[in-house]
N, C-alpha and C. Protein backbone atom coordinates (compact mmCIF):
# COMPACT_ATOMS: atom_id res chain seq x y z
N MET A 1 1.24 -0.90 0.16
CA MET A 1 -0.42 0.25 0.13
C MET A 1 0.87 1.50 0.02
N ASP A 2 1.87 1.50 0.90
CA ASP A 2 2.50 2.32 1.02
C ASP A 2 3.31 2.31 -0.61
N GLU A 3 3.94 1.54 -1.27
CA GLU A 3 4.81 1.88 -2.85
C GLU A 3 3.30 2.45 -3.32
N PHE A 4 2.11 1.90 -3.80
CA PHE A 4 1.39 2.48 -4.25
C PHE A 4 0.70 3.94 -4.32
N CYS A 5 0.60 4.61 -2.62
CA CYS A 5 0.01 5.34 -2.58
C CYS A 5 1.98 6.77 -3.12
N PHE A 6 3.29 6.13 -3.21
CA PHE A 6 3.76 6.55 -3.09
C PHE A 6 4.18 7.17 -4.79
N ARG A 7 3.47 6.12 -5.39
CA ARG A 7 3.55 6.16 -6.79
C ARG A 7 2.70 6.80 -7.51
N LYS A 8 1.35 7.13 -6.80
CA LYS A 8 0.49 7.89 -7.17
C LYS A 8 0.55 9.17 -6.51
N GLY A 9 1.44 9.78 -5.76
CA GLY A 9 1.48 10.94 -4.90
C GLY A 9 0.64 10.81 -3.82
N ILE A 10 0.35 9.87 -3.04
CA ILE A 10 -0.68 10.58 -2.74
C ILE A 10 -0.24 9.91 -1.14
N LYS A 11 -0.74 11.29 0.16
CA LYS A 11 -0.11 11.41 1.36
C LYS A 11 -0.95 11.41 2.30
N ARG A 12 -0.32 9.89 2.93
CA ARG A 12 -1.03 8.92 4.04
C ARG A 12 -0.93 9.73 5.55
N GLU A 13 -2.25 9.85 5.35
CA GLU A 13 -2.63 10.43 7.34
C GLU A 13 -2.92 9.24 8.34
N PHE A 14 -2.57 8.84 9.07
CA PHE A 14 -3.73 8.52 10.04
C PHE A 14 -4.30 9.03 11.10
N SER A 15 -5.49 8.82 11.98
CA SER A 15 -5.77 8.97 13.07
C SER A 15 -6.33 7.97 14.11
N ASN A 16 -6.59 8.25 15.07
CA ASN A 16 -7.41 7.13 16.69
C ASN A 16 -8.43 7.37 15.44
N ALA A 17 -9.02 5.69 16.37
CA ALA A 17 -10.13 5.51 15.58
C ALA A 17 -11.79 5.95 16.46
N ARG A 18 -12.13 6.34 15.96
CA ARG A 18 -13.55 6.93 16.57
C ARG A 18 -13.75 8.22 16.83
N THR A 19 -12.70 8.96 16.61
CA THR A 19 -12.16 10.19 17.09
C THR A 19 -12.35 11.38 15.56
N SER A 20 -13.70 11.71 15.79
CA SER A 20 -14.29 13.02 14.93
C SER A 20 -13.74 14.12 14.66
N GLN A 21 -13.43 14.43 15.75
CA GLN A 21 -12.70 15.47 15.63
C GLN A 21 -10.45 15.38 14.94
N GLN A 22 -10.23 14.19 15.15
CA GLN A 22 -9.42 14.29 13.93
C GLN A 22 -9.15 14.57 12.88
N ASN A 23 -11.14 13.95 12.17
CA ASN A 23 -10.78 13.72 10.69
C ASN A 23 -11.99 15.04 10.11
N GLY A 24 -11.77 16.02 10.62
CA GLY A 24 -12.36 17.01 10.27
C GLY A 24 -12.75 17.18 9.18
N VAL A 25 -11.96 17.11 8.03
CA VAL A 25 -11.96 17.32 6.61
C VAL A 25 -12.77 16.68 5.70
N VAL A 26 -12.61 15.16 6.64
CA VAL A 26 -13.06 13.73 5.90
C VAL A 26 -14.60 13.88 6.64
N GLU A 27 -15.07 14.41 7.75
CA GLU A 27 -16.51 14.54 8.30
C GLU A 27 -16.80 15.65 7.63
N ARG A 28 -16.25 16.45 6.99
CA ARG A 28 -16.85 17.37 6.22
C ARG A 28 -17.38 16.88 5.03
N ARG A 29 -16.34 16.38 4.10
CA ARG A 29 -16.85 15.58 3.44
C ARG A 29 -17.84 14.67 2.99
N ASN A 30 -18.13 13.69 4.21
CA ASN A 30 -19.17 12.72 4.20
C ASN A 30 -20.78 13.79 4.56
N ARG A 31 -20.17 14.97 4.80
CA ARG A 31 -22.07 15.54 5.18
C ARG A 31 -21.71 16.17 4.41
N THR A 32 -21.30 16.62 3.28
CA THR A 32 -21.53 17.10 2.14
C THR A 32 -22.26 16.05 0.55
N LEU A 33 -21.38 15.03 1.26
CA LEU A 33 -22.08 14.13 0.10
C LEU A 33 -23.35 13.39 0.49
N ILE A 34 -23.60 13.53 1.97
CA ILE A 34 -24.78 13.05 2.51
C ILE A 34 -25.95 14.30 2.07
N GLU A 35 -25.86 15.47 2.18
CA GLU A 35 -26.30 16.11 2.09
C GLU A 35 -26.98 16.43 0.46
N ALA A 36 -25.99 16.36 -0.04
CA ALA A 36 -26.65 16.25 -1.75
C ALA A 36 -26.84 15.10 -2.56
N ALA A 37 -26.68 13.97 -1.34
CA ALA A 37 -27.96 13.04 -2.24
C ALA A 37 -28.30 12.63 -1.31
N ARG A 38 -29.31 13.38 -0.12
CA ARG A 38 -30.45 13.31 0.20
C ARG A 38 -31.37 14.89 -0.60
N THR A 39 -30.64 15.72 -1.27
CA THR A 39 -31.16 16.69 -2.27
C THR A 39 -31.78 16.23 -3.48
N MET A 40 -30.38 15.59 -3.88
CA MET A 40 -31.03 14.67 -5.16
C MET A 40 -32.51 14.07 -4.77
N SER A 41 -32.68 12.76 -3.88
CA SER A 41 -33.17 12.42 -4.05
C SER A 41 -34.64 12.68 -3.62
N ALA A 42 -34.58 13.80 -3.15
CA ALA A 42 -35.51 14.28 -2.66
C ALA A 42 -36.64 14.73 -3.56
N ASP A 43 -35.53 15.74 -4.59
CA ASP A 43 -35.85 16.27 -5.96
C ASP A 43 -36.24 15.50 -6.91
N ALA A 44 -35.72 14.27 -7.52
CA ALA A 44 -36.10 13.24 -8.19
C ALA A 44 -37.46 12.58 -7.68
N LYS A 45 -37.88 12.34 -5.93
CA LYS A 45 -38.75 11.26 -5.41
C LYS A 45 -38.50 10.20 -5.79
N LEU A 46 -36.68 10.04 -5.16
CA LEU A 46 -36.77 8.55 -5.32
C LEU A 46 -36.85 7.27 -3.72
N PRO A 47 -37.05 6.30 -4.28
CA PRO A 47 -37.13 5.43 -3.71
C PRO A 47 -35.86 5.44 -2.26
N VAL A 48 -36.28 4.74 -1.10
CA VAL A 48 -34.84 5.15 -0.22
C VAL A 48 -33.98 3.21 -0.89
N THR A 49 -34.58 2.71 -1.72
CA THR A 49 -33.92 1.46 -1.72
C THR A 49 -32.46 1.99 -3.14
N PHE A 50 -32.81 3.35 -3.46
CA PHE A 50 -31.77 3.97 -4.83
C PHE A 50 -30.93 4.76 -3.48
N TRP A 51 -30.76 4.61 -2.43
CA TRP A 51 -30.08 5.59 -2.11
C TRP A 51 -28.21 5.21 -1.89
N ALA A 52 -28.19 4.42 -2.09
CA ALA A 52 -26.78 3.76 -2.18
C ALA A 52 -26.41 4.10 -3.73
N GLU A 53 -26.98 4.30 -4.07
CA GLU A 53 -26.98 4.86 -6.25
C GLU A 53 -26.63 6.74 -6.01
N ALA A 54 -27.68 6.62 -4.84
CA ALA A 54 -27.22 8.08 -5.20
C ALA A 54 -26.29 8.73 -4.79
N VAL A 55 -25.32 8.47 -3.24
CA VAL A 55 -24.42 8.90 -3.05
C VAL A 55 -23.31 8.72 -3.97
N ASN A 56 -23.41 7.13 -4.68
CA ASN A 56 -22.20 6.85 -5.27
C ASN A 56 -22.29 8.20 -6.90
N ILE A 57 -23.44 8.68 -7.40
CA ILE A 57 -23.24 9.26 -8.38
C ILE A 57 -23.05 10.65 -7.94
N VAL A 58 -23.29 11.26 -6.23
CA VAL A 58 -22.34 12.48 -6.21
C VAL A 58 -21.13 12.50 -5.72
N CYS A 59 -20.63 11.47 -5.45
CA CYS A 59 -19.41 11.35 -5.32
C CYS A 59 -18.46 11.30 -6.55
N TYR A 60 -18.88 10.73 -7.78
CA TYR A 60 -18.74 10.59 -8.84
C TYR A 60 -18.72 12.34 -9.41
N VAL A 61 -19.58 12.98 -9.23
CA VAL A 61 -19.55 14.15 -9.54
C VAL A 61 -18.92 15.16 -8.82
N GLN A 62 -19.10 15.63 -7.70
CA GLN A 62 -18.24 16.23 -7.13
C GLN A 62 -16.52 15.90 -7.35
N ASN A 63 -15.89 14.77 -7.52
CA ASN A 63 -14.95 14.52 -7.63
C ASN A 63 -14.66 14.68 -9.46
N SER A 64 -15.30 14.66 -10.11
CA SER A 64 -15.44 15.05 -11.94
C SER A 64 -15.38 16.72 -11.82
N VAL A 65 -15.69 17.37 -10.76
CA VAL A 65 -16.20 19.00 -11.25
C VAL A 65 -15.64 19.78 -9.94
N LEU A 66 -15.28 19.31 -9.04
CA LEU A 66 -14.34 20.62 -7.97
C LEU A 66 -13.10 20.44 -8.34
N VAL A 67 -12.39 20.94 -8.29
CA VAL A 67 -10.98 21.98 -8.61
C VAL A 67 -9.67 22.43 -7.37
N ILE A 68 -8.72 21.53 -7.22
CA ILE A 68 -7.58 21.62 -6.50
C ILE A 68 -7.09 23.06 -6.78
N LYS A 69 -7.12 23.86 -5.64
CA LYS A 69 -6.71 24.89 -6.69
C LYS A 69 -5.07 25.37 -7.00
N PRO A 70 -3.94 24.46 -6.41
CA PRO A 70 -2.58 24.80 -7.07
C PRO A 70 -2.06 24.07 -7.66
N GLN A 71 -3.06 22.56 -8.29
CA GLN A 71 -2.85 22.12 -8.80
C GLN A 71 -3.85 22.34 -10.59
N ASN A 72 -5.11 23.10 -10.01
CA ASN A 72 -6.19 23.31 -10.60
C ASN A 72 -6.46 21.59 -11.75
N LYS A 73 -6.14 21.57 -11.46
CA LYS A 73 -6.89 19.56 -11.19
C LYS A 73 -7.81 19.69 -10.39
N ASN A 74 -9.22 18.53 -10.75
CA ASN A 74 -9.91 17.76 -10.22
C ASN A 74 -9.40 16.58 -10.12
N PRO A 75 -10.11 16.05 -8.70
CA PRO A 75 -9.64 14.93 -7.65
C PRO A 75 -9.06 13.68 -8.85
N MET A 76 -10.22 13.53 -9.58
CA MET A 76 -10.10 12.01 -10.84
C MET A 76 -9.14 12.95 -11.76
N ASN A 77 -9.26 14.08 -12.10
CA ASN A 77 -7.45 14.53 -12.85
C ASN A 77 -6.17 14.16 -11.99
N SER A 78 -6.61 14.38 -10.95
CA SER A 78 -5.12 13.67 -9.87
C SER A 78 -5.04 12.17 -10.25
N LEU A 79 -5.67 11.74 -10.15
CA LEU A 79 -5.65 10.51 -10.03
C LEU A 79 -5.03 9.42 -11.14
N MET A 80 -5.89 10.27 -12.32
CA MET A 80 -6.07 9.79 -13.67
C MET A 80 -4.54 10.62 -14.43
N LYS A 81 -3.87 9.73 -15.18
CA LYS A 81 -3.04 10.64 -16.17
C LYS A 81 -3.79 11.48 -17.14
N ASP A 82 -4.33 11.19 -17.79
CA ASP A 82 -5.94 11.53 -19.07
C ASP A 82 -6.75 11.50 -18.51
N PRO A 83 -7.57 12.89 -18.65
CA PRO A 83 -8.94 13.04 -18.40
C PRO A 83 -10.18 11.87 -18.86
N LEU A 84 -11.01 11.40 -18.52
CA LEU A 84 -12.56 10.64 -18.73
C LEU A 84 -13.16 10.96 -19.65
N LEU A 85 -12.64 11.48 -20.62
CA LEU A 85 -13.53 12.18 -21.99
C LEU A 85 -14.89 10.95 -22.30
N TYR A 86 -14.54 9.27 -22.24
CA TYR A 86 -15.52 9.12 -22.36
C TYR A 86 -16.95 9.22 -21.88
N VAL A 87 -16.90 9.14 -20.44
CA VAL A 87 -18.46 9.37 -19.79
C VAL A 87 -18.83 10.39 -20.34
N LEU A 88 -18.33 11.12 -20.97
CA LEU A 88 -19.35 12.63 -21.35
C LEU A 88 -20.12 11.98 -22.66
N LYS A 89 -21.13 12.87 -22.43
CA LYS A 89 -22.14 12.41 -23.45
C LYS A 89 -22.66 13.53 -24.44
N THR A 90 -23.04 13.40 -25.28
CA THR A 90 -23.52 14.88 -25.83
C THR A 90 -24.61 14.65 -26.47
């Protein structure tokens, strides 16, 4: 795992279990995902059975759209070498 993270330029950080105070960024990201999935599901009047799919879609969209300022890339482009243009439909 250390070698994979090093090759991909990923900085690993560890925290104690069950201490949300040490995971402020992650906790906020999770809250944003949950709120967006809840809003999207309510607007589309989706049944609860589609909850996991709604969260997956919100996560995919946010990873594709949000931009990391110093590199001027979104999280998906930071992980992949080339942008995934095949997922875009006209």
